[in-house]
Amino acid sequence: MQVSRKPSAILGSAIFFITAPGVVAGLVPWLASGRYGLPVASWPLAILGAALVAVGLGVVLHAFARFALEGLGTPAPIAPTDRLVVGGVYRHVPNPMYVAVLSIILGQALIFASWQLAAYAVIMGAVMATFVRIYEEPVLLRQYGADYEAYRHNVPGWLPRLTPWRGA
């Protein structure tokens, strides 16, 4: 049965990728920057920004793949995973998608030296942190119990661990 869930998990994750991070880190910054019509910042800021965007995009793609392939579900609350996802980048940080999306937004803020995009990143960070605390953590605790509690204890917060958590 799990094998038959993979295609739908991959499709669902792809759709959610476009509708969530695609809008938050792509469409909104694109519109806020005048369709990327702002002048590009100095080359050091632009290079640092491009690196943040590239790393963030890689992390968010990896995290979405983990949900589909390891968890056999999607990040969307309407189609959750069958099992707790703790592999890959999740061994370093419990919210890699949010961290990656913020990295992409901040990268764009640096590329265009845009205080509006930087402020947007701060606002989105607050929204994400509130959502995690009020909704995600209680749901994950109810769904996965002691496994999630052990994970949350060992991989806390929003700053990545330098060494990967290996599990119990």
C-alpha atoms as a PDB file:
ATOM      1  CA  MET A   1       0.000   0.000   0.000  1.00  0.00           C
ATOM      2  CA  GLN A   2       2.833   2.425   0.759  1.00  0.00           C
ATOM      3  CA  VAL A   3       4.290   2.015  -2.731  1.00  0.00           C
ATOM      4  CA  SER A   4       0.997   3.187  -4.250  1.00  0.00           C
ATOM      5  CA  ARG A   5       1.062   6.280  -1.989  1.00  0.00           C
ATOM      6  CA  LYS A   6       4.384   7.535  -3.357  1.00  0.00           C
ATOM      7  CA  PRO A   7       3.049   8.925  -6.659  1.00  0.00           C
ATOM      8  CA  SER A   8       0.224  10.778  -4.934  1.00  0.00           C
ATOM      9  CA  ALA A   9       2.605  12.022  -2.216  1.00  0.00           C
ATOM     10  CA  ILE A  10       4.998  13.316  -4.880  1.00  0.00           C
ATOM     11  CA  LEU A  11       2.187  15.001  -6.836  1.00  0.00           C
ATOM     12  CA  GLY A  12       0.648  16.486  -3.682  1.00  0.00           C
ATOM     13  CA  SER A  13       4.015  17.795  -2.521  1.00  0.00           C
ATOM     14  CA  ALA A  14       4.670  19.347  -5.939  1.00  0.00           C
ATOM     15  CA  ILE A  15       1.299  21.114  -5.894  1.00  0.00           C
ATOM     16  CA  PHE A  16       1.862  22.328  -2.327  1.00  0.00           C
ATOM     17  CA  PHE A  17       5.383  23.492  -3.269  1.00  0.00           C
ATOM     18  CA  ILE A  18       3.940  25.771  -5.945  1.00  0.00           C
ATOM     19  CA  THR A  19       1.113  27.090  -3.779  1.00  0.00           C
ATOM     20  CA  ALA A  20       3.021  27.655  -0.523  1.00  0.00           C
ATOM     21  CA  PRO A  21       6.756  28.407  -0.884  1.00  0.00           C
ATOM     22  CA  GLY A  22       6.222  29.342  -4.529  1.00  0.00           C
ATOM     23  CA  VAL A  23       3.875  32.137  -3.505  1.00  0.00           C
ATOM     24  CA  VAL A  24       5.569  33.172  -0.232  1.00  0.00           C
ATOM     25  CA  ALA A  25       9.174  33.146  -1.492  1.00  0.00           C
ATOM     26  CA  GLY A  26       8.543  33.640  -5.199  1.00  0.00           C
ATOM     27  CA  LEU A  27       5.398  35.489  -6.231  1.00  0.00           C
ATOM     28  CA  VAL A  28       5.183  37.956  -3.326  1.00  0.00           C
ATOM     29  CA  PRO A  29       8.868  39.047  -3.518  1.00  0.00           C
ATOM     30  CA  TRP A  30       8.569  39.258  -7.308  1.00  0.00           C
ATOM     31  CA  LEU A  31       5.586  41.584  -6.994  1.00  0.00           C
ATOM     32  CA  ALA A  32       7.115  43.544  -4.078  1.00  0.00           C
ATOM     33  CA  SER A  33      10.277  44.154  -6.095  1.00  0.00           C
ATOM     34  CA  GLY A  34       8.398  45.486  -9.094  1.00  0.00           C
ATOM     35  CA  ARG A  35       8.763  42.184 -10.916  1.00  0.00           C
ATOM     36  CA  TYR A  36      12.462  42.177 -10.037  1.00  0.00           C
ATOM     37  CA  GLY A  37      12.719  45.632 -11.595  1.00  0.00           C
ATOM     38  CA  LEU A  38      14.690  47.084  -8.692  1.00  0.00           C
ATOM     39  CA  PRO A  39      18.353  47.868  -9.276  1.00  0.00           C
ATOM     40  CA  VAL A  40      20.731  45.143  -8.159  1.00  0.00           C
ATOM     41  CA  ALA A  41      22.779  45.863  -5.041  1.00  0.00           C
ATOM     42  CA  SER A  42      26.559  45.986  -4.926  1.00  0.00           C
ATOM     43  CA  TRP A  43      28.185  42.779  -6.091  1.00  0.00           C
ATOM     44  CA  PRO A  44      29.113  41.487  -2.584  1.00  0.00           C
ATOM     45  CA  LEU A  45      25.485  41.810  -1.423  1.00  0.00           C
ATOM     46  CA  ALA A  46      24.168  40.379  -4.675  1.00  0.00           C
ATOM     47  CA  ILE A  47      26.511  37.367  -4.474  1.00  0.00           C
ATOM     48  CA  LEU A  48      25.622  36.720  -0.826  1.00  0.00           C
ATOM     49  CA  GLY A  49      21.931  37.073  -1.680  1.00  0.00           C
ATOM     50  CA  ALA A  50      22.223  34.701  -4.638  1.00  0.00           C
ATOM     51  CA  ALA A  51      23.963  32.155  -2.401  1.00  0.00           C
ATOM     52  CA  LEU A  52      21.150  32.397   0.177  1.00  0.00           C
ATOM     53  CA  VAL A  53      18.558  31.913  -2.575  1.00  0.00           C
ATOM     54  CA  ALA A  54      20.412  28.931  -4.062  1.00  0.00           C
ATOM     55  CA  VAL A  55      20.988  27.199  -0.715  1.00  0.00           C
ATOM     56  CA  GLY A  56      17.423  27.926   0.387  1.00  0.00           C
ATOM     57  CA  LEU A  57      15.996  26.520  -2.829  1.00  0.00           C
ATOM     58  CA  GLY A  58      18.101  23.373  -2.495  1.00  0.00           C
ATOM     59  CA  VAL A  59      17.015  22.859   1.116  1.00  0.00           C
ATOM     60  CA  VAL A  60      13.325  23.416   0.410  1.00  0.00           C
ATOM     61  CA  LEU A  61      13.396  20.980  -2.533  1.00  0.00           C
ATOM     62  CA  HIS A  62      15.184  18.382  -0.393  1.00  0.00           C
ATOM     63  CA  ALA A  63      12.711  18.865   2.469  1.00  0.00           C
ATOM     64  CA  PHE A  64       9.717  18.455   0.158  1.00  0.00           C
ATOM     65  CA  ALA A  65      11.249  15.287  -1.287  1.00  0.00           C
ATOM     66  CA  ARG A  66      11.722  13.880   2.243  1.00  0.00           C
ATOM     67  CA  PHE A  67       8.021  14.420   2.964  1.00  0.00           C
ATOM     68  CA  ALA A  68       6.984  12.550  -0.165  1.00  0.00           C
ATOM     69  CA  LEU A  69       9.557   9.738  -0.111  1.00  0.00           C
ATOM     70  CA  GLU A  70      10.224   9.207   3.599  1.00  0.00           C
ATOM     71  CA  GLY A  71       6.915  10.304   5.084  1.00  0.00           C
ATOM     72  CA  LEU A  72       4.678   9.176   2.201  1.00  0.00           C
ATOM     73  CA  GLY A  73       2.668  12.370   2.460  1.00  0.00           C
ATOM     74  CA  THR A  74       2.911  16.085   1.922  1.00  0.00           C
ATOM     75  CA  PRO A  75       3.718  19.135   4.033  1.00  0.00           C
ATOM     76  CA  ALA A  76       0.118  20.259   3.522  1.00  0.00           C
ATOM     77  CA  PRO A  77      -2.053  19.728   6.619  1.00  0.00           C
ATOM     78  CA  ILE A  78      -4.786  18.189   4.442  1.00  0.00           C
ATOM     79  CA  ALA A  79      -2.490  15.344   3.303  1.00  0.00           C
ATOM     80  CA  PRO A  80      -0.035  14.695   6.166  1.00  0.00           C
ATOM     81  CA  THR A  81       2.691  12.073   6.281  1.00  0.00           C
ATOM     82  CA  ASP A  82       2.220   8.509   7.498  1.00  0.00           C
ATOM     83  CA  ARG A  83       5.352   8.742   9.619  1.00  0.00           C
ATOM     84  CA  LEU A  84       7.454  11.388  11.286  1.00  0.00           C
ATOM     85  CA  VAL A  85      10.030  12.802   8.874  1.00  0.00           C
ATOM     86  CA  VAL A  86      13.421  13.023  10.602  1.00  0.00           C
ATOM     87  CA  GLY A  87      15.898  12.190   7.828  1.00  0.00           C
ATOM     88  CA  GLY A  88      18.090  14.387   5.659  1.00  0.00           C
ATOM     89  CA  VAL A  89      18.039  18.064   6.593  1.00  0.00           C
ATOM     90  CA  TYR A  90      15.499  17.282   9.329  1.00  0.00           C
ATOM     91  CA  ARG A  91      18.406  15.751  11.296  1.00  0.00           C
ATOM     92  CA  HIS A  92      19.758  19.306  11.627  1.00  0.00           C
ATOM     93  CA  VAL A  93      16.694  21.531  12.023  1.00  0.00           C
ATOM     94  CA  PRO A  94      13.027  20.725  12.680  1.00  0.00           C
ATOM     95  CA  ASN A  95      11.675  23.370  10.297  1.00  0.00           C
ATOM     96  CA  PRO A  96      13.982  23.338   7.264  1.00  0.00           C
ATOM     97  CA  MET A  97      11.255  24.459   4.863  1.00  0.00           C
ATOM     98  CA  TYR A  98      10.546  27.605   6.859  1.00  0.00           C
ATOM     99  CA  VAL A  99      14.241  28.337   7.345  1.00  0.00           C
ATOM    100  CA  ALA A 100      14.835  27.807   3.615  1.00  0.00           C
ATOM    101  CA  VAL A 101      11.915  30.024   2.576  1.00  0.00           C
ATOM    102  CA  LEU A 102      13.186  32.783   4.861  1.00  0.00           C
ATOM    103  CA  SER A 103      16.659  32.324   3.368  1.00  0.00           C
ATOM    104  CA  ILE A 104      15.225  32.764  -0.136  1.00  0.00           C
ATOM    105  CA  ILE A 105      13.348  35.926   0.851  1.00  0.00           C
ATOM    106  CA  LEU A 106      16.375  37.385   2.679  1.00  0.00           C
ATOM    107  CA  GLY A 107      18.552  36.501  -0.301  1.00  0.00           C
ATOM    108  CA  GLN A 108      16.272  38.493  -2.565  1.00  0.00           C
ATOM    109  CA  ALA A 109      16.317  41.359  -0.061  1.00  0.00           C
ATOM    110  CA  LEU A 110      20.121  41.390  -0.298  1.00  0.00           C
ATOM    111  CA  ILE A 111      20.190  41.100  -4.093  1.00  0.00           C
ATOM    112  CA  PHE A 112      18.033  44.209  -4.399  1.00  0.00           C
ATOM    113  CA  ALA A 113      19.096  45.907  -1.127  1.00  0.00           C
ATOM    114  CA  SER A 114      15.374  46.066  -0.364  1.00  0.00           C
ATOM    115  CA  TRP A 115      14.273  46.946   3.147  1.00  0.00           C
ATOM    116  CA  GLN A 116      10.710  46.063   2.102  1.00  0.00           C
ATOM    117  CA  LEU A 117      11.721  42.472   1.357  1.00  0.00           C
ATOM    118  CA  ALA A 118      13.745  42.329   4.587  1.00  0.00           C
ATOM    119  CA  ALA A 119      10.686  43.546   6.533  1.00  0.00           C
ATOM    120  CA  TYR A 120       8.551  40.986   4.709  1.00  0.00           C
ATOM    121  CA  ALA A 121      11.008  38.260   5.794  1.00  0.00           C
ATOM    122  CA  VAL A 122      10.730  39.380   9.428  1.00  0.00           C
ATOM    123  CA  ILE A 123       6.927  39.361   9.235  1.00  0.00           C
ATOM    124  CA  MET A 124       6.872  35.941   7.567  1.00  0.00           C
ATOM    125  CA  GLY A 125       9.309  34.603  10.175  1.00  0.00           C
ATOM    126  CA  ALA A 126       6.964  35.728  12.946  1.00  0.00           C
ATOM    127  CA  VAL A 127       3.967  34.198  11.161  1.00  0.00           C
ATOM    128  CA  MET A 128       5.818  30.910  10.634  1.00  0.00           C
ATOM    129  CA  ALA A 129       7.055  30.717  14.225  1.00  0.00           C
ATOM    130  CA  THR A 130       3.542  31.399  15.521  1.00  0.00           C
ATOM    131  CA  PHE A 131       2.050  28.763  13.211  1.00  0.00           C
ATOM    132  CA  VAL A 132       4.618  26.187  14.329  1.00  0.00           C
ATOM    133  CA  ARG A 133       4.021  26.885  18.020  1.00  0.00           C
ATOM    134  CA  ILE A 134       0.216  27.103  17.915  1.00  0.00           C
ATOM    135  CA  TYR A 135      -0.627  24.500  15.276  1.00  0.00           C
ATOM    136  CA  GLU A 136       2.207  22.249  14.092  1.00  0.00           C
ATOM    137  CA  GLU A 137       3.856  21.277  17.360  1.00  0.00           C
ATOM    138  CA  PRO A 138       0.593  20.232  19.103  1.00  0.00           C
ATOM    139  CA  VAL A 139      -0.550  18.290  16.015  1.00  0.00           C
ATOM    140  CA  LEU A 140       2.786  16.484  15.685  1.00  0.00           C
ATOM    141  CA  LEU A 141       2.809  15.689  19.390  1.00  0.00           C
ATOM    142  CA  ARG A 142      -0.687  14.169  19.173  1.00  0.00           C
ATOM    143  CA  GLN A 143       0.114  12.272  15.977  1.00  0.00           C
ATOM    144  CA  TYR A 144       3.584  10.927  16.821  1.00  0.00           C
ATOM    145  CA  GLY A 145       3.734  11.143  20.630  1.00  0.00           C
ATOM    146  CA  ALA A 146       7.016  10.099  22.238  1.00  0.00           C
ATOM    147  CA  ASP A 147       8.823   9.895  18.881  1.00  0.00           C
ATOM    148  CA  TYR A 148       8.114  13.559  18.200  1.00  0.00           C
ATOM    149  CA  GLU A 149       8.906  14.575  21.774  1.00  0.00           C
ATOM    150  CA  ALA A 150      12.329  12.882  21.551  1.00  0.00           C
ATOM    151  CA  TYR A 151      12.957  14.507  18.176  1.00  0.00           C
ATOM    152  CA  ARG A 152      11.894  17.955  19.390  1.00  0.00           C
ATOM    153  CA  HIS A 153      14.125  17.598  22.469  1.00  0.00           C
ATOM    154  CA  ASN A 154      17.159  16.646  20.363  1.00  0.00           C
ATOM    155  CA  VAL A 155      16.599  18.937  17.359  1.00  0.00           C
ATOM    156  CA  PRO A 156      15.246  22.121  18.943  1.00  0.00           C
ATOM    157  CA  GLY A 157      14.678  25.579  17.572  1.00  0.00           C
ATOM    158  CA  TRP A 158      15.302  27.246  14.272  1.00  0.00           C
ATOM    159  CA  LEU A 159      19.085  27.256  14.119  1.00  0.00           C
ATOM    160  CA  PRO A 160      20.499  24.112  12.512  1.00  0.00           C
ATOM    161  CA  ARG A 161      22.531  21.639  14.561  1.00  0.00           C
ATOM    162  CA  LEU A 162      26.085  21.324  13.307  1.00  0.00           C
ATOM    163  CA  THR A 163      26.046  17.560  13.773  1.00  0.00           C
ATOM    164  CA  PRO A 164      23.116  15.492  12.532  1.00  0.00           C
ATOM    165  CA  TRP A 165      20.801  13.900  15.070  1.00  0.00           C
ATOM    166  CA  ARG A 166      20.984  10.112  14.707  1.00  0.00           C
ATOM    167  CA  GLY A 167      17.790   9.191  16.528  1.00  0.00           C
ATOM    168  CA  ALA A 168      17.223   6.989  19.522  1.00  0.00           C
END
